């Protein structure tokens, strides 16, 4: 399902976007790139390995510890690098840092929903990968709709500080209802409605 949208986006970009070469050649922070990529890889591998071999194995806590060390080293290096990937003043700024933290929490929750809903729809209800992808379309549609509505209409008129809590709190009543939903397998239509409602707010 994702490949279809990616193919449409790639084709449209190749046909409609014009190449605009920049006169300034940005320099890449290669040590920072290696540190953050290795750190994230170690964390992902460690958490994935814990599901198979448990938390007490060296291949789990060793990779997790290495990931933390590498990410700390990346944060320290960004304060010394001539062309940092993530300048410290960006995240230390109150507004930007708060925005990044909010987006991190929202994205973590959203990807967690996608992960466990995928397990439930395919392993419990027996849906195929294609049907599972179609079931997620209401979430994507509501996210696209509300992202454009909030940035074009609501934020210029009312400001951004009011709408973040109003967008997060209505999602919470849907979380306790999921265990009861899992006990009673829904129809595909009800499944689509349940999967779209928590994130559409």
N, C-alpha and C. Protein backbone atom coordinates (compact mmCIF):
# COMPACT_ATOMS: atom_id res chain seq x y z
N UNK A 1 0.84 -1.20 0.00
CA UNK A 1 0.00 0.00 0.00
C UNK A 1 0.87 1.26 0.00
N UNK A 2 1.93 1.24 0.81
CA UNK A 2 2.81 2.41 0.86
C UNK A 2 3.55 2.61 -0.46
N UNK A 3 3.87 1.51 -1.14
CA UNK A 3 4.60 1.62 -2.40
C UNK A 3 3.77 2.34 -3.46
N UNK A 4 2.46 2.17 -3.41
CA UNK A 4 1.60 2.85 -4.39
C UNK A 4 1.67 4.35 -4.21
N UNK A 5 1.51 4.82 -2.97
CA UNK A 5 1.58 6.26 -2.72
C UNK A 5 2.98 6.80 -2.98
N UNK A 6 4.00 6.02 -2.63
CA UNK A 6 5.37 6.47 -2.89
C UNK A 6 5.63 6.57 -4.38
N UNK A 7 5.11 5.65 -5.16
CA UNK A 7 5.28 5.71 -6.60
C UNK A 7 4.59 6.91 -7.21
N UNK A 8 3.38 7.22 -6.75
CA UNK A 8 2.67 8.40 -7.25
C UNK A 8 3.43 9.68 -6.88
N UNK A 9 3.90 9.76 -5.63
CA UNK A 9 4.64 10.95 -5.20
C UNK A 9 5.95 11.10 -5.98
N UNK A 10 6.65 10.00 -6.20
CA UNK A 10 7.92 10.06 -6.94
C UNK A 10 7.68 10.49 -8.38
N UNK A 11 6.66 9.94 -9.02
CA UNK A 11 6.36 10.30 -10.41
C UNK A 11 5.95 11.76 -10.52
N UNK A 12 5.07 12.21 -9.60
CA UNK A 12 4.66 13.60 -9.64
C UNK A 12 5.81 14.56 -9.39
N UNK A 13 6.69 14.21 -8.45
CA UNK A 13 7.84 15.07 -8.19
C UNK A 13 8.79 15.15 -9.37
N UNK A 14 9.01 14.01 -10.03
CA UNK A 14 9.91 14.00 -11.19
C UNK A 14 9.34 14.80 -12.35
N UNK A 15 8.02 14.84 -12.49
CA UNK A 15 7.41 15.54 -13.62
C UNK A 15 7.16 17.02 -13.35
N UNK A 16 6.86 17.37 -12.11
CA UNK A 16 6.38 18.72 -11.81
C UNK A 16 7.43 19.61 -11.15
N UNK A 17 8.34 19.03 -10.40
CA UNK A 17 9.33 19.84 -9.69
C UNK A 17 10.51 20.16 -10.60
N UNK A 18 10.96 21.40 -10.54
CA UNK A 18 12.11 21.84 -11.33
C UNK A 18 13.37 21.80 -10.47
N UNK A 19 14.44 21.40 -11.10
CA UNK A 19 15.72 21.33 -10.40
C UNK A 19 16.26 22.74 -10.17
N UNK A 20 16.59 23.05 -8.93
CA UNK A 20 17.11 24.36 -8.57
C UNK A 20 18.43 24.18 -7.83
N UNK A 21 19.53 24.16 -8.55
CA UNK A 21 20.83 23.97 -7.88
C UNK A 21 21.17 25.14 -6.98
N UNK A 22 21.71 24.83 -5.82
CA UNK A 22 22.07 25.86 -4.84
C UNK A 22 23.51 26.30 -5.07
N UNK A 23 23.76 27.61 -5.04
CA UNK A 23 25.14 28.08 -5.20
C UNK A 23 26.02 27.74 -4.02
N UNK A 24 25.41 27.47 -2.85
CA UNK A 24 26.15 27.13 -1.65
C UNK A 24 26.12 25.62 -1.46
N UNK A 25 27.27 25.01 -1.37
CA UNK A 25 27.35 23.57 -1.17
C UNK A 25 27.44 23.26 0.32
N UNK A 26 26.35 22.75 0.90
CA UNK A 26 26.41 22.45 2.35
C UNK A 26 27.36 21.29 2.64
N UNK A 27 27.99 21.35 3.79
CA UNK A 27 28.91 20.30 4.20
C UNK A 27 28.20 19.34 5.15
N UNK A 28 28.49 18.09 4.99
CA UNK A 28 27.84 17.05 5.78
C UNK A 28 28.70 16.71 7.00
N UNK A 29 28.05 16.62 8.13
CA UNK A 29 28.72 16.24 9.37
C UNK A 29 28.82 14.71 9.40
N UNK A 30 29.89 14.18 8.81
CA UNK A 30 30.05 12.74 8.69
C UNK A 30 30.20 12.06 10.06
N UNK A 31 31.04 12.55 10.99
CA UNK A 31 31.09 11.90 12.31
C UNK A 31 29.74 11.90 13.03
N UNK A 32 29.02 13.02 12.96
CA UNK A 32 27.70 13.05 13.59
C UNK A 32 26.73 12.08 12.94
N UNK A 33 26.80 11.98 11.60
CA UNK A 33 25.94 11.03 10.89
C UNK A 33 26.22 9.60 11.32
N UNK A 34 27.49 9.25 11.42
CA UNK A 34 27.84 7.89 11.83
C UNK A 34 27.42 7.61 13.27
N UNK A 35 27.59 8.60 14.15
CA UNK A 35 27.23 8.39 15.56
C UNK A 35 25.73 8.19 15.74
N UNK A 36 24.92 9.08 15.15
CA UNK A 36 23.48 8.99 15.36
C UNK A 36 22.90 7.77 14.64
N UNK A 37 23.42 7.44 13.44
CA UNK A 37 22.92 6.26 12.74
C UNK A 37 23.26 4.98 13.49
N UNK A 38 24.49 4.90 13.99
CA UNK A 38 24.88 3.71 14.75
C UNK A 38 24.10 3.62 16.06
N UNK A 39 23.89 4.76 16.72
CA UNK A 39 23.14 4.73 17.98
C UNK A 39 21.71 4.28 17.79
N UNK A 40 21.03 4.81 16.78
CA UNK A 40 19.64 4.40 16.53
C UNK A 40 19.58 2.93 16.11
N UNK A 41 20.55 2.49 15.29
CA UNK A 41 20.59 1.08 14.90
C UNK A 41 20.73 0.17 16.12
N UNK A 42 21.63 0.53 17.03
CA UNK A 42 21.83 -0.30 18.22
C UNK A 42 20.57 -0.35 19.08
N UNK A 43 19.88 0.77 19.23
CA UNK A 43 18.66 0.77 20.02
C UNK A 43 17.57 -0.10 19.37
N UNK A 44 17.39 0.07 18.08
CA UNK A 44 16.36 -0.71 17.38
C UNK A 44 16.69 -2.20 17.43
N UNK A 45 17.95 -2.53 17.20
CA UNK A 45 18.34 -3.94 17.25
C UNK A 45 18.19 -4.51 18.66
N UNK A 46 18.54 -3.72 19.66
CA UNK A 46 18.41 -4.20 21.03
C UNK A 46 16.98 -4.48 21.42
N UNK A 47 16.08 -3.55 21.10
CA UNK A 47 14.67 -3.77 21.42
C UNK A 47 14.09 -4.93 20.61
N UNK A 48 14.49 -5.05 19.35
CA UNK A 48 13.99 -6.17 18.54
C UNK A 48 14.53 -7.50 19.05
N UNK A 49 15.77 -7.52 19.48
CA UNK A 49 16.37 -8.74 19.99
C UNK A 49 15.75 -9.17 21.31
N UNK A 50 15.26 -8.20 22.09
CA UNK A 50 14.64 -8.54 23.37
C UNK A 50 13.38 -9.37 23.19
N UNK A 51 12.67 -9.16 22.09
CA UNK A 51 11.45 -9.93 21.85
C UNK A 51 11.74 -11.40 21.56
N UNK A 52 12.95 -11.71 21.11
CA UNK A 52 13.30 -13.08 20.76
C UNK A 52 14.12 -13.76 21.86
N UNK A 53 15.14 -13.07 22.35
CA UNK A 53 16.08 -13.68 23.29
C UNK A 53 15.92 -13.18 24.72
N UNK A 54 15.06 -12.21 24.97
CA UNK A 54 14.86 -11.72 26.33
C UNK A 54 15.79 -10.56 26.65
N UNK A 55 15.51 -9.92 27.79
CA UNK A 55 16.26 -8.73 28.19
C UNK A 55 17.59 -9.06 28.85
N UNK A 56 17.77 -10.29 29.34
CA UNK A 56 18.96 -10.63 30.10
C UNK A 56 20.13 -11.09 29.25
N UNK A 57 19.95 -11.19 27.96
CA UNK A 57 21.03 -11.65 27.09
C UNK A 57 21.96 -10.49 26.74
N UNK A 58 23.27 -10.77 26.60
CA UNK A 58 24.21 -9.69 26.26
C UNK A 58 23.91 -9.02 24.93
N UNK A 59 23.35 -9.76 23.98
CA UNK A 59 23.03 -9.15 22.70
C UNK A 59 21.88 -8.15 22.79
N UNK A 60 21.15 -8.17 23.92
CA UNK A 60 20.07 -7.20 24.10
C UNK A 60 20.58 -5.98 24.86
N UNK A 61 21.02 -6.20 26.11
CA UNK A 61 21.42 -5.03 26.89
C UNK A 61 22.74 -4.45 26.40
N UNK A 62 23.57 -5.25 25.72
CA UNK A 62 24.80 -4.71 25.17
C UNK A 62 24.53 -3.70 24.06
N UNK A 63 23.62 -4.05 23.14
CA UNK A 63 23.28 -3.12 22.06
C UNK A 63 22.53 -1.90 22.59
N UNK A 64 21.68 -2.10 23.58
CA UNK A 64 20.96 -0.96 24.15
C UNK A 64 21.94 0.00 24.82
N UNK A 65 22.87 -0.54 25.58
CA UNK A 65 23.87 0.32 26.23
C UNK A 65 24.74 1.03 25.19
N UNK A 66 25.12 0.32 24.15
CA UNK A 66 25.93 0.94 23.09
C UNK A 66 25.15 2.04 22.39
N UNK A 67 23.85 1.82 22.19
CA UNK A 67 23.04 2.86 21.55
C UNK A 67 22.96 4.12 22.39
N UNK A 68 22.79 3.95 23.70
CA UNK A 68 22.73 5.12 24.57
C UNK A 68 24.06 5.87 24.56
N UNK A 69 25.16 5.13 24.63
CA UNK A 69 26.49 5.76 24.63
C UNK A 69 26.72 6.51 23.33
N UNK A 70 26.36 5.92 22.22
CA UNK A 70 26.56 6.56 20.92
C UNK A 70 25.70 7.81 20.77
N UNK A 71 24.48 7.78 21.25
CA UNK A 71 23.62 8.95 21.15
C UNK A 71 24.10 10.07 22.07
N UNK A 72 24.60 9.73 23.24
CA UNK A 72 25.19 10.75 24.12
C UNK A 72 26.42 11.36 23.47
N UNK A 73 27.24 10.50 22.84
CA UNK A 73 28.41 11.01 22.13
C UNK A 73 27.99 11.92 20.97
N UNK A 74 26.90 11.58 20.30
CA UNK A 74 26.39 12.42 19.22
C UNK A 74 25.97 13.79 19.75
N UNK A 75 25.26 13.80 20.88
CA UNK A 75 24.83 15.07 21.46
C UNK A 75 26.02 15.93 21.85
N UNK A 76 27.05 15.32 22.42
CA UNK A 76 28.25 16.08 22.78
C UNK A 76 28.99 16.58 21.55
N UNK A 77 29.03 15.77 20.51
CA UNK A 77 29.74 16.16 19.30
C UNK A 77 29.05 17.33 18.58
N UNK A 78 27.73 17.39 18.68
CA UNK A 78 27.01 18.46 18.00
C UNK A 78 27.38 19.84 18.55
N UNK A 79 27.83 19.90 19.79
CA UNK A 79 28.26 21.17 20.35
C UNK A 79 29.65 21.59 19.88
N UNK A 80 30.38 20.67 19.25
CA UNK A 80 31.75 20.97 18.80
C UNK A 80 31.88 20.97 17.28
N UNK A 81 30.94 20.36 16.58
CA UNK A 81 31.06 20.22 15.13
C UNK A 81 30.92 21.58 14.45
N UNK A 82 31.67 21.74 13.35
CA UNK A 82 31.60 22.99 12.59
C UNK A 82 30.28 23.10 11.83
N UNK A 83 29.76 21.99 11.34
CA UNK A 83 28.49 21.97 10.61
C UNK A 83 27.62 20.85 11.19
N UNK A 84 27.04 21.08 12.36
CA UNK A 84 26.30 20.00 13.03
C UNK A 84 25.02 19.63 12.29
N UNK A 85 24.66 18.37 12.40
CA UNK A 85 23.38 17.92 11.85
C UNK A 85 22.21 18.52 12.62
N UNK A 86 22.34 18.61 13.93
CA UNK A 86 21.30 19.17 14.79
C UNK A 86 21.94 20.20 15.71
N UNK A 87 21.95 21.47 15.29
CA UNK A 87 22.57 22.50 16.12
C UNK A 87 21.93 22.56 17.50
N UNK A 88 22.73 22.64 18.56
CA UNK A 88 22.16 22.64 19.92
C UNK A 88 21.19 23.78 20.16
N UNK A 89 21.40 24.94 19.54
CA UNK A 89 20.50 26.06 19.79
C UNK A 89 19.08 25.80 19.27
N UNK A 90 18.95 24.84 18.36
CA UNK A 90 17.63 24.52 17.84
C UNK A 90 16.78 23.83 18.91
N UNK A 91 17.35 22.80 19.55
CA UNK A 91 16.59 22.05 20.55
C UNK A 91 16.56 22.76 21.90
N UNK A 92 17.52 23.65 22.15
CA UNK A 92 17.51 24.37 23.42
C UNK A 92 16.54 25.54 23.41
N UNK A 93 16.11 25.97 22.23
CA UNK A 93 15.09 27.00 22.15
C UNK A 93 13.77 26.45 22.70
N UNK A 94 13.09 27.24 23.51
CA UNK A 94 11.90 26.74 24.19
C UNK A 94 10.80 26.33 23.22
N UNK A 95 10.52 27.17 22.24
CA UNK A 95 9.43 26.88 21.32
C UNK A 95 9.78 25.70 20.41
N UNK A 96 10.97 25.72 19.85
CA UNK A 96 11.36 24.63 18.96
C UNK A 96 11.55 23.33 19.72
N UNK A 97 12.19 23.40 20.86
CA UNK A 97 12.38 22.19 21.65
C UNK A 97 11.06 21.57 22.08
N UNK A 98 10.13 22.41 22.50
CA UNK A 98 8.80 21.90 22.87
C UNK A 98 8.06 21.31 21.69
N UNK A 99 8.21 21.94 20.51
CA UNK A 99 7.56 21.41 19.32
C UNK A 99 8.14 20.05 18.94
N UNK A 100 9.48 19.92 19.00
CA UNK A 100 10.11 18.64 18.68
C UNK A 100 9.69 17.56 19.68
N UNK A 101 9.63 17.91 20.96
CA UNK A 101 9.23 16.93 21.96
C UNK A 101 7.78 16.50 21.75
N UNK A 102 6.91 17.45 21.42
CA UNK A 102 5.50 17.12 21.18
C UNK A 102 5.36 16.20 19.98
N UNK A 103 6.08 16.50 18.91
CA UNK A 103 6.00 15.68 17.72
C UNK A 103 6.58 14.28 17.97
N UNK A 104 7.62 14.21 18.81
CA UNK A 104 8.19 12.90 19.14
C UNK A 104 7.18 12.04 19.88
N UNK A 105 6.49 12.63 20.86
CA UNK A 105 5.50 11.88 21.62
C UNK A 105 4.34 11.44 20.73
N UNK A 106 3.88 12.37 19.88
CA UNK A 106 2.76 12.03 18.99
C UNK A 106 3.15 10.94 18.00
N UNK A 107 4.35 11.06 17.42
CA UNK A 107 4.79 10.05 16.45
C UNK A 107 5.00 8.70 17.10
N UNK A 108 5.56 8.68 18.32
CA UNK A 108 5.75 7.42 19.02
C UNK A 108 4.42 6.73 19.29
N UNK A 109 3.43 7.50 19.73
CA UNK A 109 2.12 6.92 19.96
C UNK A 109 1.47 6.42 18.68
N UNK A 110 1.62 7.19 17.61
CA UNK A 110 1.00 6.81 16.34
C UNK A 110 1.61 5.53 15.77
N UNK A 111 2.95 5.44 15.80
CA UNK A 111 3.58 4.23 15.28
C UNK A 111 3.31 3.03 16.17
N UNK A 112 3.15 3.27 17.48
CA UNK A 112 2.74 2.18 18.35
C UNK A 112 1.35 1.66 18.00
N UNK A 113 0.45 2.59 17.67
CA UNK A 113 -0.89 2.19 17.25
C UNK A 113 -0.83 1.37 15.97
N UNK A 114 -0.05 1.83 15.01
CA UNK A 114 0.07 1.09 13.75
C UNK A 114 0.64 -0.31 13.98
N UNK A 115 1.63 -0.41 14.85
CA UNK A 115 2.26 -1.70 15.09
C UNK A 115 1.29 -2.70 15.70
N UNK A 116 0.64 -2.32 16.80
CA UNK A 116 -0.22 -3.27 17.48
C UNK A 116 -1.52 -3.51 16.73
N UNK A 117 -2.01 -2.51 15.99
CA UNK A 117 -3.18 -2.75 15.16
C UNK A 117 -2.85 -3.71 14.03
N UNK A 118 -1.65 -3.62 13.49
CA UNK A 118 -1.25 -4.56 12.44
C UNK A 118 -1.22 -5.98 12.98
N UNK A 119 -0.64 -6.17 14.18
CA UNK A 119 -0.64 -7.49 14.79
C UNK A 119 -2.06 -7.99 15.01
N UNK A 120 -2.92 -7.13 15.52
CA UNK A 120 -4.29 -7.55 15.84
C UNK A 120 -5.07 -7.89 14.57
N UNK A 121 -4.97 -7.03 13.56
CA UNK A 121 -5.76 -7.25 12.36
C UNK A 121 -5.29 -8.48 11.59
N UNK A 122 -4.00 -8.72 11.54
CA UNK A 122 -3.50 -9.84 10.75
C UNK A 122 -3.47 -11.15 11.52
N UNK A 123 -3.05 -11.11 12.79
CA UNK A 123 -2.90 -12.35 13.55
C UNK A 123 -4.20 -12.77 14.23
N UNK A 124 -4.99 -11.82 14.71
CA UNK A 124 -6.22 -12.16 15.42
C UNK A 124 -7.41 -12.26 14.48
N UNK A 125 -7.59 -11.26 13.63
CA UNK A 125 -8.73 -11.26 12.72
C UNK A 125 -8.43 -11.97 11.40
N UNK A 126 -7.16 -12.22 11.12
CA UNK A 126 -6.82 -12.93 9.89
C UNK A 126 -6.88 -12.10 8.63
N UNK A 127 -6.76 -10.78 8.75
CA UNK A 127 -6.78 -9.94 7.56
C UNK A 127 -5.48 -10.10 6.77
N UNK A 128 -5.58 -9.94 5.47
CA UNK A 128 -4.39 -9.96 4.63
C UNK A 128 -3.65 -8.63 4.76
N UNK A 129 -2.37 -8.58 4.37
CA UNK A 129 -1.65 -7.29 4.43
C UNK A 129 -2.33 -6.19 3.63
N UNK A 130 -2.93 -6.53 2.49
CA UNK A 130 -3.60 -5.51 1.67
C UNK A 130 -4.82 -4.96 2.38
N UNK A 131 -5.64 -5.83 2.95
CA UNK A 131 -6.83 -5.37 3.67
C UNK A 131 -6.43 -4.57 4.91
N UNK A 132 -5.37 -4.98 5.57
CA UNK A 132 -4.88 -4.22 6.73
C UNK A 132 -4.45 -2.82 6.31
N UNK A 133 -3.75 -2.71 5.18
CA UNK A 133 -3.36 -1.40 4.69
C UNK A 133 -4.55 -0.53 4.35
N UNK A 134 -5.58 -1.12 3.74
CA UNK A 134 -6.79 -0.35 3.43
C UNK A 134 -7.49 0.10 4.71
N UNK A 135 -7.43 -0.74 5.74
CA UNK A 135 -8.05 -0.38 7.02
C UNK A 135 -7.40 0.84 7.64
N UNK A 136 -6.11 1.04 7.38
CA UNK A 136 -5.40 2.20 7.92
C UNK A 136 -5.65 3.48 7.14
N UNK A 137 -6.29 3.39 5.98
CA UNK A 137 -6.48 4.59 5.16
C UNK A 137 -7.28 5.70 5.86
N UNK A 138 -8.31 5.39 6.67
CA UNK A 138 -8.99 6.49 7.37
C UNK A 138 -8.07 7.29 8.29
N UNK A 139 -7.07 6.63 8.91
CA UNK A 139 -6.12 7.36 9.74
C UNK A 139 -5.32 8.34 8.89
N UNK A 140 -4.80 7.84 7.76
CA UNK A 140 -4.01 8.72 6.89
C UNK A 140 -4.86 9.86 6.34
N UNK A 141 -6.09 9.55 5.94
CA UNK A 141 -6.96 10.61 5.42
C UNK A 141 -7.27 11.68 6.44
N UNK A 142 -7.56 11.27 7.68
CA UNK A 142 -7.86 12.24 8.73
C UNK A 142 -6.62 13.05 9.09
N UNK A 143 -5.45 12.41 9.09
CA UNK A 143 -4.23 13.15 9.37
C UNK A 143 -3.95 14.21 8.31
N UNK A 144 -4.13 13.85 7.04
CA UNK A 144 -3.93 14.81 5.96
C UNK A 144 -4.92 15.95 6.06
N UNK A 145 -6.18 15.62 6.32
CA UNK A 145 -7.22 16.66 6.42
C UNK A 145 -6.96 17.61 7.57
N UNK A 146 -6.69 17.05 8.76
CA UNK A 146 -6.51 17.90 9.93
C UNK A 146 -5.19 18.66 9.90
N UNK A 147 -4.15 18.08 9.26
CA UNK A 147 -2.88 18.80 9.15
C UNK A 147 -3.06 20.06 8.31
N UNK A 148 -3.76 19.95 7.20
CA UNK A 148 -3.99 21.13 6.36
C UNK A 148 -4.96 22.10 7.01
N UNK A 149 -6.00 21.58 7.65
CA UNK A 149 -6.97 22.47 8.29
C UNK A 149 -6.34 23.24 9.44
N UNK A 150 -5.49 22.57 10.23
CA UNK A 150 -4.91 23.23 11.40
C UNK A 150 -3.88 24.28 10.99
N UNK A 151 -3.04 23.96 9.99
CA UNK A 151 -1.98 24.90 9.62
C UNK A 151 -2.48 26.05 8.75
N UNK A 152 -3.51 25.82 7.96
CA UNK A 152 -3.99 26.86 7.04
C UNK A 152 -5.09 27.71 7.66
N UNK A 153 -5.95 27.09 8.46
CA UNK A 153 -7.14 27.81 8.96
C UNK A 153 -7.02 28.13 10.45
N UNK A 154 -6.77 27.12 11.27
CA UNK A 154 -6.88 27.29 12.71
C UNK A 154 -5.69 28.02 13.32
N UNK A 155 -4.45 27.61 12.98
CA UNK A 155 -3.28 28.23 13.60
C UNK A 155 -3.12 29.70 13.26
N UNK A 156 -3.30 30.14 12.00
CA UNK A 156 -3.19 31.58 11.74
C UNK A 156 -4.25 32.41 12.45
N UNK A 157 -5.37 31.80 12.74
CA UNK A 157 -6.46 32.56 13.35
C UNK A 157 -6.42 32.55 14.86
N UNK A 158 -6.08 31.41 15.46
CA UNK A 158 -6.15 31.28 16.91
C UNK A 158 -4.79 31.04 17.57
N UNK A 159 -3.74 30.80 16.79
CA UNK A 159 -2.44 30.49 17.39
C UNK A 159 -2.27 29.00 17.61
N UNK A 160 -1.00 28.59 17.80
CA UNK A 160 -0.73 27.16 17.89
C UNK A 160 -0.80 26.59 19.30
N UNK A 161 -0.67 27.40 20.32
CA UNK A 161 -0.57 26.86 21.67
C UNK A 161 -1.90 26.29 22.17
N UNK A 162 -3.02 26.72 21.61
CA UNK A 162 -4.32 26.24 22.10
C UNK A 162 -4.72 24.90 21.47
N UNK A 163 -4.25 24.63 20.26
CA UNK A 163 -4.79 23.51 19.51
C UNK A 163 -4.09 22.20 19.79
N UNK A 164 -2.86 22.25 20.28
CA UNK A 164 -2.19 21.00 20.59
C UNK A 164 -2.90 20.23 21.71
N UNK A 165 -3.21 20.83 22.87
CA UNK A 165 -3.96 20.06 23.88
C UNK A 165 -5.34 19.63 23.40
N UNK A 166 -6.01 20.49 22.63
CA UNK A 166 -7.33 20.12 22.14
C UNK A 166 -7.28 18.97 21.16
N UNK A 167 -6.14 18.80 20.47
CA UNK A 167 -6.01 17.68 19.56
C UNK A 167 -5.62 16.39 20.25
N UNK A 168 -4.93 16.50 21.39
CA UNK A 168 -4.45 15.29 22.08
C UNK A 168 -5.47 14.70 23.04
N UNK A 169 -6.10 15.54 23.83
CA UNK A 169 -6.97 15.01 24.88
C UNK A 169 -8.17 14.24 24.35
N UNK A 170 -8.83 14.65 23.24
CA UNK A 170 -9.95 13.83 22.76
C UNK A 170 -9.57 12.43 22.32
N UNK A 171 -8.28 12.16 22.10
CA UNK A 171 -7.87 10.82 21.70
C UNK A 171 -7.90 9.84 22.86
N UNK A 172 -7.74 10.35 24.08
CA UNK A 172 -7.56 9.45 25.21
C UNK A 172 -8.76 8.56 25.52
N UNK A 173 -10.02 9.02 25.39
CA UNK A 173 -11.13 8.10 25.68
C UNK A 173 -11.16 6.87 24.81
N UNK A 174 -10.51 6.91 23.63
CA UNK A 174 -10.52 5.73 22.76
C UNK A 174 -9.59 4.63 23.21
N UNK A 175 -8.59 4.97 24.04
CA UNK A 175 -7.63 3.95 24.45
C UNK A 175 -8.25 2.87 25.34
N UNK A 176 -9.04 3.22 26.37
CA UNK A 176 -9.59 2.14 27.21
C UNK A 176 -10.56 1.24 26.48
N UNK A 177 -11.14 1.69 25.36
CA UNK A 177 -12.10 0.86 24.64
C UNK A 177 -11.47 -0.23 23.81
N UNK A 178 -10.17 -0.18 23.60
CA UNK A 178 -9.53 -1.17 22.75
C UNK A 178 -9.55 -2.58 23.32
N UNK A 179 -9.37 -2.79 24.65
CA UNK A 179 -9.44 -4.17 25.15
C UNK A 179 -10.79 -4.82 24.89
N UNK A 180 -11.89 -4.07 25.06
CA UNK A 180 -13.20 -4.65 24.78
C UNK A 180 -13.38 -4.93 23.30
N UNK A 181 -12.78 -4.07 22.47
CA UNK A 181 -12.84 -4.31 21.02
C UNK A 181 -12.10 -5.59 20.66
N UNK A 182 -10.97 -5.85 21.33
CA UNK A 182 -10.20 -7.05 21.04
C UNK A 182 -10.95 -8.31 21.46
N UNK A 183 -11.79 -8.22 22.50
CA UNK A 183 -12.53 -9.40 22.94
C UNK A 183 -13.66 -9.74 22.00
N UNK A 184 -14.18 -8.74 21.27
CA UNK A 184 -15.28 -8.96 20.34
C UNK A 184 -14.81 -8.56 18.95
N UNK A 185 -14.40 -9.49 18.11
CA UNK A 185 -13.88 -9.13 16.80
C UNK A 185 -14.91 -8.36 16.00
N UNK A 186 -14.57 -7.16 15.50
CA UNK A 186 -15.52 -6.34 14.77
C UNK A 186 -15.56 -6.70 13.31
N UNK A 187 -16.52 -6.15 12.61
CA UNK A 187 -16.58 -6.27 11.17
C UNK A 187 -15.53 -5.36 10.55
N UNK A 188 -15.17 -5.54 9.28
CA UNK A 188 -14.19 -4.64 8.66
C UNK A 188 -14.61 -3.18 8.71
N UNK A 189 -15.91 -2.91 8.58
CA UNK A 189 -16.36 -1.52 8.64
C UNK A 189 -16.16 -0.94 10.02
N UNK A 190 -16.54 -1.70 11.05
CA UNK A 190 -16.34 -1.20 12.42
C UNK A 190 -14.87 -1.11 12.76
N UNK A 191 -14.09 -2.05 12.22
CA UNK A 191 -12.65 -2.00 12.47
C UNK A 191 -12.05 -0.74 11.89
N UNK A 192 -12.47 -0.36 10.68
CA UNK A 192 -11.95 0.85 10.07
C UNK A 192 -12.35 2.07 10.87
N UNK A 193 -13.58 2.09 11.38
CA UNK A 193 -14.03 3.24 12.16
C UNK A 193 -13.25 3.36 13.46
N UNK A 194 -13.02 2.22 14.12
CA UNK A 194 -12.27 2.28 15.38
C UNK A 194 -10.84 2.70 15.15
N UNK A 195 -10.23 2.24 14.06
CA UNK A 195 -8.82 2.57 13.85
C UNK A 195 -8.63 4.02 13.48
N UNK A 196 -9.63 4.64 12.89
CA UNK A 196 -9.44 6.04 12.48
C UNK A 196 -9.80 7.03 13.57
N UNK A 197 -10.68 6.67 14.51
CA UNK A 197 -11.18 7.68 15.42
C UNK A 197 -10.14 8.24 16.37
N UNK A 198 -9.26 7.42 17.00
CA UNK A 198 -8.35 8.01 17.98
C UNK A 198 -7.41 9.04 17.39
N UNK A 199 -6.91 8.84 16.13
CA UNK A 199 -5.96 9.77 15.58
C UNK A 199 -6.62 10.89 14.80
N UNK A 200 -7.90 10.75 14.44
CA UNK A 200 -8.54 11.79 13.66
C UNK A 200 -8.82 13.02 14.47
N UNK A 201 -8.87 12.91 15.82
CA UNK A 201 -9.10 14.09 16.65
C UNK A 201 -7.86 14.94 16.69
